[in-house]
């Protein structure tokens, strides 16, 4: 039997139970490396998901703590859209995915893990990226540490 060694994963599992408050507000206030922030805008910022669906999974959130999509200002919505587009371009340049999922999960029943601070997801996808690991073992394998992915994407960021 082969074993997977991912000692960094235990840190995330333990911290998920200990964390209080809004993950987006904490990330916005932290330094970029600690908060896994890839890019900061005027009204919104981009960070890596600590529990990603795939390597490079980005989230774009307004700095303002807002739980209702319809309550975003026009300026916030435009900046989030621009950051998502630039994030998609940075991922395309650095990771060469074959496709993307972009979306908003609004409400717990719709899959939102954080319901009180709206955010958009940008998930790079590759053919066969859903393999036997998540299906049989309920495990996802990421080929790169999150801090390394953050540095790579921050360095390659394209802002339009």
C-alpha atoms as a PDB file:
ATOM      1  CA  UNK A   1       0.000   0.000   0.000  1.00  0.00           C
ATOM      2  CA  UNK A   2       1.322   3.456  -0.915  1.00  0.00           C
ATOM      3  CA  UNK A   3       1.147   6.337   1.532  1.00  0.00           C
ATOM      4  CA  UNK A   4       0.674  10.021   0.881  1.00  0.00           C
ATOM      5  CA  UNK A   5       2.689  12.373   3.056  1.00  0.00           C
ATOM      6  CA  UNK A   6       1.117  15.811   3.502  1.00  0.00           C
ATOM      7  CA  UNK A   7       2.131  17.079   6.965  1.00  0.00           C
ATOM      8  CA  UNK A   8       0.929  20.618   6.167  1.00  0.00           C
ATOM      9  CA  UNK A   9      -2.672  19.338   5.915  1.00  0.00           C
ATOM     10  CA  UNK A  10      -2.883  18.599   9.662  1.00  0.00           C
ATOM     11  CA  UNK A  11      -2.177  22.263  10.425  1.00  0.00           C
ATOM     12  CA  UNK A  12      -5.213  23.280   8.351  1.00  0.00           C
ATOM     13  CA  UNK A  13      -7.469  20.662   9.879  1.00  0.00           C
ATOM     14  CA  UNK A  14      -6.563  21.742  13.423  1.00  0.00           C
ATOM     15  CA  UNK A  15      -6.813  25.461  12.669  1.00  0.00           C
ATOM     16  CA  UNK A  16     -10.254  25.125  11.065  1.00  0.00           C
ATOM     17  CA  UNK A  17     -11.739  24.176  14.439  1.00  0.00           C
ATOM     18  CA  UNK A  18      -9.837  26.873  16.342  1.00  0.00           C
ATOM     19  CA  UNK A  19     -10.510  29.845  14.050  1.00  0.00           C
ATOM     20  CA  UNK A  20     -13.145  32.349  15.013  1.00  0.00           C
ATOM     21  CA  UNK A  21     -14.452  35.326  13.115  1.00  0.00           C
ATOM     22  CA  UNK A  22     -14.527  35.862   9.390  1.00  0.00           C
ATOM     23  CA  UNK A  23     -11.763  34.190   7.366  1.00  0.00           C
ATOM     24  CA  UNK A  24     -11.900  36.958   4.749  1.00  0.00           C
ATOM     25  CA  UNK A  25     -11.657  39.791   7.256  1.00  0.00           C
ATOM     26  CA  UNK A  26      -8.725  38.019   8.968  1.00  0.00           C
ATOM     27  CA  UNK A  27      -6.952  37.475   5.636  1.00  0.00           C
ATOM     28  CA  UNK A  28      -7.500  41.120   4.632  1.00  0.00           C
ATOM     29  CA  UNK A  29      -5.845  42.289   7.861  1.00  0.00           C
ATOM     30  CA  UNK A  30      -2.966  39.762   7.768  1.00  0.00           C
ATOM     31  CA  UNK A  31       0.226  40.107   5.793  1.00  0.00           C
ATOM     32  CA  UNK A  32       0.005  38.607   2.321  1.00  0.00           C
ATOM     33  CA  UNK A  33       1.905  35.396   3.058  1.00  0.00           C
ATOM     34  CA  UNK A  34       0.022  34.624   6.267  1.00  0.00           C
ATOM     35  CA  UNK A  35      -3.359  35.415   4.690  1.00  0.00           C
ATOM     36  CA  UNK A  36      -2.453  33.692   1.400  1.00  0.00           C
ATOM     37  CA  UNK A  37      -3.332  36.971  -0.330  1.00  0.00           C
ATOM     38  CA  UNK A  38      -2.255  36.982  -3.971  1.00  0.00           C
ATOM     39  CA  UNK A  39      -3.391  40.465  -5.006  1.00  0.00           C
ATOM     40  CA  UNK A  40      -4.903  43.485  -3.282  1.00  0.00           C
ATOM     41  CA  UNK A  41      -7.175  45.966  -5.000  1.00  0.00           C
ATOM     42  CA  UNK A  42      -8.769  49.114  -3.665  1.00  0.00           C
ATOM     43  CA  UNK A  43     -12.113  47.537  -2.667  1.00  0.00           C
ATOM     44  CA  UNK A  44     -11.457  43.798  -2.963  1.00  0.00           C
ATOM     45  CA  UNK A  45      -8.633  41.271  -2.777  1.00  0.00           C
ATOM     46  CA  UNK A  46      -7.673  37.823  -4.050  1.00  0.00           C
ATOM     47  CA  UNK A  47      -6.563  34.947  -1.846  1.00  0.00           C
ATOM     48  CA  UNK A  48      -5.942  31.248  -2.163  1.00  0.00           C
ATOM     49  CA  UNK A  49      -8.474  28.873  -0.669  1.00  0.00           C
ATOM     50  CA  UNK A  50      -6.887  27.009   2.266  1.00  0.00           C
ATOM     51  CA  UNK A  51      -9.109  24.014   1.472  1.00  0.00           C
ATOM     52  CA  UNK A  52      -9.020  24.140  -2.342  1.00  0.00           C
ATOM     53  CA  UNK A  53     -11.068  22.163  -4.840  1.00  0.00           C
ATOM     54  CA  UNK A  54      -7.931  22.174  -7.043  1.00  0.00           C
ATOM     55  CA  UNK A  55      -4.432  23.670  -6.986  1.00  0.00           C
ATOM     56  CA  UNK A  56      -4.602  27.409  -7.569  1.00  0.00           C
ATOM     57  CA  UNK A  57      -8.198  27.758  -6.300  1.00  0.00           C
ATOM     58  CA  UNK A  58      -8.676  31.523  -5.852  1.00  0.00           C
ATOM     59  CA  UNK A  59     -11.333  33.475  -3.998  1.00  0.00           C
ATOM     60  CA  UNK A  60     -12.074  37.169  -4.531  1.00  0.00           C
ATOM     61  CA  UNK A  61     -13.780  39.044  -1.694  1.00  0.00           C
ATOM     62  CA  UNK A  62     -14.589  42.651  -0.903  1.00  0.00           C
ATOM     63  CA  UNK A  63     -12.725  44.137   2.047  1.00  0.00           C
ATOM     64  CA  UNK A  64     -16.090  45.240   3.408  1.00  0.00           C
ATOM     65  CA  UNK A  65     -17.774  42.480   5.413  1.00  0.00           C
ATOM     66  CA  UNK A  66     -20.963  41.875   3.426  1.00  0.00           C
ATOM     67  CA  UNK A  67     -23.077  38.734   3.334  1.00  0.00           C
ATOM     68  CA  UNK A  68     -25.543  39.723   0.625  1.00  0.00           C
ATOM     69  CA  UNK A  69     -24.523  39.587  -3.035  1.00  0.00           C
ATOM     70  CA  UNK A  70     -27.118  42.215  -3.939  1.00  0.00           C
ATOM     71  CA  UNK A  71     -25.657  44.628  -1.395  1.00  0.00           C
ATOM     72  CA  UNK A  72     -22.259  44.897  -3.112  1.00  0.00           C
ATOM     73  CA  UNK A  73     -21.680  48.384  -4.459  1.00  0.00           C
ATOM     74  CA  UNK A  74     -21.282  48.760  -8.209  1.00  0.00           C
ATOM     75  CA  UNK A  75     -17.644  49.648  -7.626  1.00  0.00           C
ATOM     76  CA  UNK A  76     -17.031  46.511  -5.535  1.00  0.00           C
ATOM     77  CA  UNK A  77     -18.754  44.302  -8.117  1.00  0.00           C
ATOM     78  CA  UNK A  78     -16.686  45.743 -10.972  1.00  0.00           C
ATOM     79  CA  UNK A  79     -13.417  45.358  -9.076  1.00  0.00           C
ATOM     80  CA  UNK A  80     -14.253  41.760  -8.095  1.00  0.00           C
ATOM     81  CA  UNK A  81     -15.001  41.011 -11.756  1.00  0.00           C
ATOM     82  CA  UNK A  82     -11.709  42.574 -12.871  1.00  0.00           C
ATOM     83  CA  UNK A  83      -9.731  40.708 -10.221  1.00  0.00           C
ATOM     84  CA  UNK A  84     -11.397  37.414 -11.202  1.00  0.00           C
ATOM     85  CA  UNK A  85     -10.491  38.025 -14.843  1.00  0.00           C
ATOM     86  CA  UNK A  86      -6.888  38.902 -13.973  1.00  0.00           C
ATOM     87  CA  UNK A  87      -6.719  35.885 -11.653  1.00  0.00           C
ATOM     88  CA  UNK A  88      -7.906  33.619 -14.450  1.00  0.00           C
ATOM     89  CA  UNK A  89      -5.166  35.076 -16.689  1.00  0.00           C
ATOM     90  CA  UNK A  90      -2.488  34.561 -13.997  1.00  0.00           C
ATOM     91  CA  UNK A  91      -3.608  30.963 -13.485  1.00  0.00           C
ATOM     92  CA  UNK A  92      -3.615  30.355 -17.247  1.00  0.00           C
ATOM     93  CA  UNK A  93      -0.062  31.681 -17.509  1.00  0.00           C
ATOM     94  CA  UNK A  94       1.396  29.832 -14.528  1.00  0.00           C
ATOM     95  CA  UNK A  95      -0.574  26.575 -14.295  1.00  0.00           C
ATOM     96  CA  UNK A  96      -1.891  26.033 -17.848  1.00  0.00           C
ATOM     97  CA  UNK A  97      -5.324  24.633 -16.863  1.00  0.00           C
ATOM     98  CA  UNK A  98      -7.637  23.304 -19.561  1.00  0.00           C
ATOM     99  CA  UNK A  99     -10.678  25.120 -18.181  1.00  0.00           C
ATOM    100  CA  UNK A 100     -12.080  27.067 -15.243  1.00  0.00           C
ATOM    101  CA  UNK A 101     -15.035  27.116 -12.885  1.00  0.00           C
ATOM    102  CA  UNK A 102     -16.007  30.647 -11.823  1.00  0.00           C
ATOM    103  CA  UNK A 103     -18.856  31.159  -9.418  1.00  0.00           C
ATOM    104  CA  UNK A 104     -20.556  32.325  -6.274  1.00  0.00           C
ATOM    105  CA  UNK A 105     -22.007  29.995  -3.627  1.00  0.00           C
ATOM    106  CA  UNK A 106     -24.735  32.036  -1.953  1.00  0.00           C
ATOM    107  CA  UNK A 107     -26.163  30.391   1.148  1.00  0.00           C
ATOM    108  CA  UNK A 108     -25.204  27.198   2.954  1.00  0.00           C
ATOM    109  CA  UNK A 109     -27.597  25.070   0.865  1.00  0.00           C
ATOM    110  CA  UNK A 110     -25.802  26.324  -2.283  1.00  0.00           C
ATOM    111  CA  UNK A 111     -22.436  25.160  -0.954  1.00  0.00           C
ATOM    112  CA  UNK A 112     -21.173  28.297   0.791  1.00  0.00           C
ATOM    113  CA  UNK A 113     -18.726  27.442   3.552  1.00  0.00           C
ATOM    114  CA  UNK A 114     -18.725  31.117   4.585  1.00  0.00           C
ATOM    115  CA  UNK A 115     -22.196  32.628   4.326  1.00  0.00           C
ATOM    116  CA  UNK A 116     -21.660  36.045   5.890  1.00  0.00           C
ATOM    117  CA  UNK A 117     -18.939  37.419   3.561  1.00  0.00           C
ATOM    118  CA  UNK A 118     -19.647  37.065  -0.162  1.00  0.00           C
ATOM    119  CA  UNK A 119     -16.824  35.908  -2.397  1.00  0.00           C
ATOM    120  CA  UNK A 120     -16.276  34.613  -5.910  1.00  0.00           C
ATOM    121  CA  UNK A 121     -14.373  31.415  -6.708  1.00  0.00           C
ATOM    122  CA  UNK A 122     -11.960  30.900  -9.618  1.00  0.00           C
ATOM    123  CA  UNK A 123     -11.040  27.227  -9.872  1.00  0.00           C
ATOM    124  CA  UNK A 124      -8.605  25.981 -12.525  1.00  0.00           C
ATOM    125  CA  UNK A 125      -9.537  22.592 -14.013  1.00  0.00           C
ATOM    126  CA  UNK A 126      -7.692  19.868 -15.910  1.00  0.00           C
ATOM    127  CA  UNK A 127      -8.935  16.771 -17.694  1.00  0.00           C
ATOM    128  CA  UNK A 128      -9.041  13.947 -15.185  1.00  0.00           C
ATOM    129  CA  UNK A 129      -8.561  16.218 -12.171  1.00  0.00           C
ATOM    130  CA  UNK A 130     -11.291  14.299 -10.392  1.00  0.00           C
ATOM    131  CA  UNK A 131      -9.504  11.013  -9.911  1.00  0.00           C
ATOM    132  CA  UNK A 132      -9.806   8.022  -7.616  1.00  0.00           C
ATOM    133  CA  UNK A 133      -8.440   9.873  -4.560  1.00  0.00           C
ATOM    134  CA  UNK A 134     -11.478  12.057  -3.815  1.00  0.00           C
ATOM    135  CA  UNK A 135     -13.899   9.379  -4.992  1.00  0.00           C
ATOM    136  CA  UNK A 136     -12.545   6.370  -3.084  1.00  0.00           C
ATOM    137  CA  UNK A 137     -10.445   7.842  -0.308  1.00  0.00           C
ATOM    138  CA  UNK A 138     -12.104  11.236   0.282  1.00  0.00           C
ATOM    139  CA  UNK A 139      -8.644  12.774  -0.206  1.00  0.00           C
ATOM    140  CA  UNK A 140      -7.436  15.473  -2.573  1.00  0.00           C
ATOM    141  CA  UNK A 141      -3.805  15.619  -3.599  1.00  0.00           C
ATOM    142  CA  UNK A 142      -2.283  19.025  -4.300  1.00  0.00           C
ATOM    143  CA  UNK A 143       1.082  18.962  -6.040  1.00  0.00           C
ATOM    144  CA  UNK A 144       2.366  22.230  -4.552  1.00  0.00           C
ATOM    145  CA  UNK A 145       2.336  23.937  -1.157  1.00  0.00           C
ATOM    146  CA  UNK A 146      -0.108  26.844  -0.903  1.00  0.00           C
ATOM    147  CA  UNK A 147       2.625  29.347   0.006  1.00  0.00           C
ATOM    148  CA  UNK A 148       4.544  28.421  -3.162  1.00  0.00           C
ATOM    149  CA  UNK A 149       1.406  28.750  -5.293  1.00  0.00           C
ATOM    150  CA  UNK A 150       0.698  32.166  -3.731  1.00  0.00           C
ATOM    151  CA  UNK A 151       4.209  33.428  -4.543  1.00  0.00           C
ATOM    152  CA  UNK A 152       4.035  32.146  -8.130  1.00  0.00           C
ATOM    153  CA  UNK A 153       0.652  33.717  -8.813  1.00  0.00           C
ATOM    154  CA  UNK A 154       1.537  37.012  -7.104  1.00  0.00           C
ATOM    155  CA  UNK A 155       4.655  37.293  -9.274  1.00  0.00           C
ATOM    156  CA  UNK A 156       2.743  36.542 -12.481  1.00  0.00           C
ATOM    157  CA  UNK A 157      -0.298  38.694 -11.754  1.00  0.00           C
ATOM    158  CA  UNK A 158      -1.737  40.495 -14.754  1.00  0.00           C
ATOM    159  CA  UNK A 159      -3.849  43.537 -13.967  1.00  0.00           C
ATOM    160  CA  UNK A 160      -5.907  45.067 -16.746  1.00  0.00           C
END
